[in-house]
Amino acid sequence: MNRLIARILAIVASVYWSVPILGGIFSREPFTLEGEILFVLVLAAILGFVVSWRHVKLGATVMILSAVALCVFAYITAGRSKLLAVLVSGVPFLISGVMLLISSIKPQNRRFTS
């Protein structure tokens, strides 16, 4: 169940971030350095999610590392509402990555014997 919730959260976060990323790619505006860094961090988090379908621990680790980097980047570049920027940008990937990592470590046999 943890894996399912983690994957749903990662899908929502990936779609949320894919829209502005694709908009930036297809617009005629050149990327700024800040936009390029954001693009790489979000792409790493999404790729970690995609990898997690085949290799859960590796994908979850990539998601966690890129989410932490995304949180730090959002905190540094945000104006007044730093906490909101961190919560919106990296935390969904961080929660999803941690949940996937926990679900890969925890034994899959969950039946209780009495």
C-alpha atoms as a PDB file:
ATOM      1  CA  MET A   1       0.000   0.000   0.000  1.00  0.00           C
ATOM      2  CA  ASN A   2       2.910   2.361   0.742  1.00  0.00           C
ATOM      3  CA  ARG A   3       4.259   1.826  -2.754  1.00  0.00           C
ATOM      4  CA  LEU A   4       0.928   2.645  -4.321  1.00  0.00           C
ATOM      5  CA  ILE A   5       0.550   5.876  -2.340  1.00  0.00           C
ATOM      6  CA  ALA A   6       4.167   6.833  -3.065  1.00  0.00           C
ATOM      7  CA  ARG A   7       3.722   6.252  -6.786  1.00  0.00           C
ATOM      8  CA  ILE A   8       0.476   8.219  -6.925  1.00  0.00           C
ATOM      9  CA  LEU A   9       2.160  11.126  -5.140  1.00  0.00           C
ATOM     10  CA  ALA A  10       5.128  10.942  -7.502  1.00  0.00           C
ATOM     11  CA  ILE A  11       2.836  10.882 -10.540  1.00  0.00           C
ATOM     12  CA  VAL A  12       1.034  13.998  -9.304  1.00  0.00           C
ATOM     13  CA  ALA A  13       4.334  15.782  -8.607  1.00  0.00           C
ATOM     14  CA  SER A  14       5.775  14.723 -11.969  1.00  0.00           C
ATOM     15  CA  VAL A  15       2.761  15.987 -13.892  1.00  0.00           C
ATOM     16  CA  TYR A  16       2.755  19.191 -11.835  1.00  0.00           C
ATOM     17  CA  TRP A  17       6.382  19.886 -12.749  1.00  0.00           C
ATOM     18  CA  SER A  18       6.169  18.621 -16.341  1.00  0.00           C
ATOM     19  CA  VAL A  19       3.742  21.339 -17.384  1.00  0.00           C
ATOM     20  CA  PRO A  20       6.010  24.358 -16.693  1.00  0.00           C
ATOM     21  CA  ILE A  21       9.104  22.461 -17.830  1.00  0.00           C
ATOM     22  CA  LEU A  22       7.508  21.602 -21.174  1.00  0.00           C
ATOM     23  CA  GLY A  23       6.180  25.148 -21.438  1.00  0.00           C
ATOM     24  CA  GLY A  24       9.696  26.467 -20.953  1.00  0.00           C
ATOM     25  CA  ILE A  25      11.103  24.102 -23.555  1.00  0.00           C
ATOM     26  CA  PHE A  26       8.542  24.962 -26.209  1.00  0.00           C
ATOM     27  CA  SER A  27       8.518  28.710 -25.584  1.00  0.00           C
ATOM     28  CA  ARG A  28      10.816  30.966 -27.531  1.00  0.00           C
ATOM     29  CA  GLU A  29      12.299  32.405 -24.357  1.00  0.00           C
ATOM     30  CA  PRO A  30      15.875  31.332 -23.592  1.00  0.00           C
ATOM     31  CA  PHE A  31      16.509  29.469 -20.349  1.00  0.00           C
ATOM     32  CA  THR A  32      18.178  31.381 -17.562  1.00  0.00           C
ATOM     33  CA  LEU A  33      20.750  29.733 -15.307  1.00  0.00           C
ATOM     34  CA  GLU A  34      18.073  29.371 -12.633  1.00  0.00           C
ATOM     35  CA  GLY A  35      15.736  27.732 -15.151  1.00  0.00           C
ATOM     36  CA  GLU A  36      18.426  25.322 -16.311  1.00  0.00           C
ATOM     37  CA  ILE A  37      19.248  24.246 -12.755  1.00  0.00           C
ATOM     38  CA  LEU A  38      15.562  23.775 -12.005  1.00  0.00           C
ATOM     39  CA  PHE A  39      15.141  21.760 -15.208  1.00  0.00           C
ATOM     40  CA  VAL A  40      18.002  19.408 -14.286  1.00  0.00           C
ATOM     41  CA  LEU A  41      16.791  18.902 -10.707  1.00  0.00           C
ATOM     42  CA  VAL A  42      13.195  18.214 -11.708  1.00  0.00           C
ATOM     43  CA  LEU A  43      14.302  15.935 -14.532  1.00  0.00           C
ATOM     44  CA  ALA A  44      16.478  13.978 -12.084  1.00  0.00           C
ATOM     45  CA  ALA A  45      13.539  13.554  -9.696  1.00  0.00           C
ATOM     46  CA  ILE A  46      11.231  12.403 -12.501  1.00  0.00           C
ATOM     47  CA  LEU A  47      13.862  10.020 -13.865  1.00  0.00           C
ATOM     48  CA  GLY A  48      14.333   8.626 -10.359  1.00  0.00           C
ATOM     49  CA  PHE A  49      10.608   7.970 -10.250  1.00  0.00           C
ATOM     50  CA  VAL A  50      10.689   6.227 -13.631  1.00  0.00           C
ATOM     51  CA  VAL A  51      13.670   4.088 -12.544  1.00  0.00           C
ATOM     52  CA  SER A  52      11.847   3.163  -9.334  1.00  0.00           C
ATOM     53  CA  TRP A  53       9.327   1.109 -11.315  1.00  0.00           C
ATOM     54  CA  ARG A  54      12.101  -1.340 -12.210  1.00  0.00           C
ATOM     55  CA  HIS A  55      14.704  -0.816  -9.442  1.00  0.00           C
ATOM     56  CA  VAL A  56      12.907   0.503  -6.370  1.00  0.00           C
ATOM     57  CA  LYS A  57      15.895   1.222  -4.126  1.00  0.00           C
ATOM     58  CA  LEU A  58      17.939   2.943  -6.843  1.00  0.00           C
ATOM     59  CA  GLY A  59      15.008   5.058  -8.037  1.00  0.00           C
ATOM     60  CA  ALA A  60      14.001   5.993  -4.496  1.00  0.00           C
ATOM     61  CA  THR A  61      17.567   7.027  -3.682  1.00  0.00           C
ATOM     62  CA  VAL A  62      17.769   9.199  -6.801  1.00  0.00           C
ATOM     63  CA  MET A  63      14.409  10.740  -5.924  1.00  0.00           C
ATOM     64  CA  ILE A  64      15.487  11.508  -2.368  1.00  0.00           C
ATOM     65  CA  LEU A  65      18.795  13.061  -3.399  1.00  0.00           C
ATOM     66  CA  SER A  66      17.270  15.169  -6.155  1.00  0.00           C
ATOM     67  CA  ALA A  67      14.373  16.191  -3.891  1.00  0.00           C
ATOM     68  CA  VAL A  68      16.771  17.406  -1.206  1.00  0.00           C
ATOM     69  CA  ALA A  69      18.713  19.355  -3.846  1.00  0.00           C
ATOM     70  CA  LEU A  70      15.438  20.768  -5.188  1.00  0.00           C
ATOM     71  CA  CYS A  71      14.394  21.838  -1.681  1.00  0.00           C
ATOM     72  CA  VAL A  72      17.717  23.578  -1.098  1.00  0.00           C
ATOM     73  CA  PHE A  73      17.516  25.273  -4.503  1.00  0.00           C
ATOM     74  CA  ALA A  74      13.941  26.426  -3.833  1.00  0.00           C
ATOM     75  CA  TYR A  75      14.932  27.784  -0.433  1.00  0.00           C
ATOM     76  CA  ILE A  76      17.875  29.724  -1.852  1.00  0.00           C
ATOM     77  CA  THR A  77      16.049  31.179  -4.858  1.00  0.00           C
ATOM     78  CA  ALA A  78      12.652  31.872  -3.272  1.00  0.00           C
ATOM     79  CA  GLY A  79      11.722  35.385  -2.309  1.00  0.00           C
ATOM     80  CA  ARG A  80       9.573  35.873   0.748  1.00  0.00           C
ATOM     81  CA  SER A  81       7.764  32.557   1.068  1.00  0.00           C
ATOM     82  CA  LYS A  82      10.690  30.174   1.312  1.00  0.00           C
ATOM     83  CA  LEU A  83       8.762  27.516   3.226  1.00  0.00           C
ATOM     84  CA  LEU A  84       6.001  27.410   0.629  1.00  0.00           C
ATOM     85  CA  ALA A  85       8.545  27.119  -2.177  1.00  0.00           C
ATOM     86  CA  VAL A  86      10.234  24.186  -0.436  1.00  0.00           C
ATOM     87  CA  LEU A  87       6.921  22.471   0.330  1.00  0.00           C
ATOM     88  CA  VAL A  88       5.690  22.761  -3.246  1.00  0.00           C
ATOM     89  CA  SER A  89       8.914  21.960  -5.068  1.00  0.00           C
ATOM     90  CA  GLY A  90      10.854  19.159  -3.411  1.00  0.00           C
ATOM     91  CA  VAL A  91       8.801  17.765  -0.556  1.00  0.00           C
ATOM     92  CA  PRO A  92       6.383  15.671  -2.682  1.00  0.00           C
ATOM     93  CA  PHE A  93       9.338  13.903  -4.334  1.00  0.00           C
ATOM     94  CA  LEU A  94      11.036  13.551  -0.950  1.00  0.00           C
ATOM     95  CA  ILE A  95       7.991  11.966   0.695  1.00  0.00           C
ATOM     96  CA  SER A  96       7.460   9.662  -2.265  1.00  0.00           C
ATOM     97  CA  GLY A  97      11.119   8.622  -2.353  1.00  0.00           C
ATOM     98  CA  VAL A  98      11.220   7.901   1.366  1.00  0.00           C
ATOM     99  CA  MET A  99       8.003   5.877   1.154  1.00  0.00           C
ATOM    100  CA  LEU A 100       9.373   3.858  -1.769  1.00  0.00           C
ATOM    101  CA  LEU A 101      12.642   3.232   0.050  1.00  0.00           C
ATOM    102  CA  ILE A 102      10.811   2.089   3.185  1.00  0.00           C
ATOM    103  CA  SER A 103       8.561  -0.192   1.159  1.00  0.00           C
ATOM    104  CA  SER A 104      11.565  -1.792  -0.512  1.00  0.00           C
ATOM    105  CA  ILE A 105      13.290  -2.484   2.804  1.00  0.00           C
ATOM    106  CA  LYS A 106      10.252  -3.741   4.679  1.00  0.00           C
ATOM    107  CA  PRO A 107       9.466  -7.433   4.169  1.00  0.00           C
ATOM    108  CA  GLN A 108       6.598  -7.989   1.768  1.00  0.00           C
ATOM    109  CA  ASN A 109       4.975 -10.782   3.787  1.00  0.00           C
ATOM    110  CA  ARG A 110       2.633  -8.833   6.061  1.00  0.00           C
ATOM    111  CA  ARG A 111       0.474 -11.645   7.377  1.00  0.00           C
ATOM    112  CA  PHE A 112       0.311 -11.959  11.114  1.00  0.00           C
ATOM    113  CA  THR A 113       0.315 -15.331  12.781  1.00  0.00           C
ATOM    114  CA  SER A 114      -1.435 -15.838  16.044  1.00  0.00           C
END
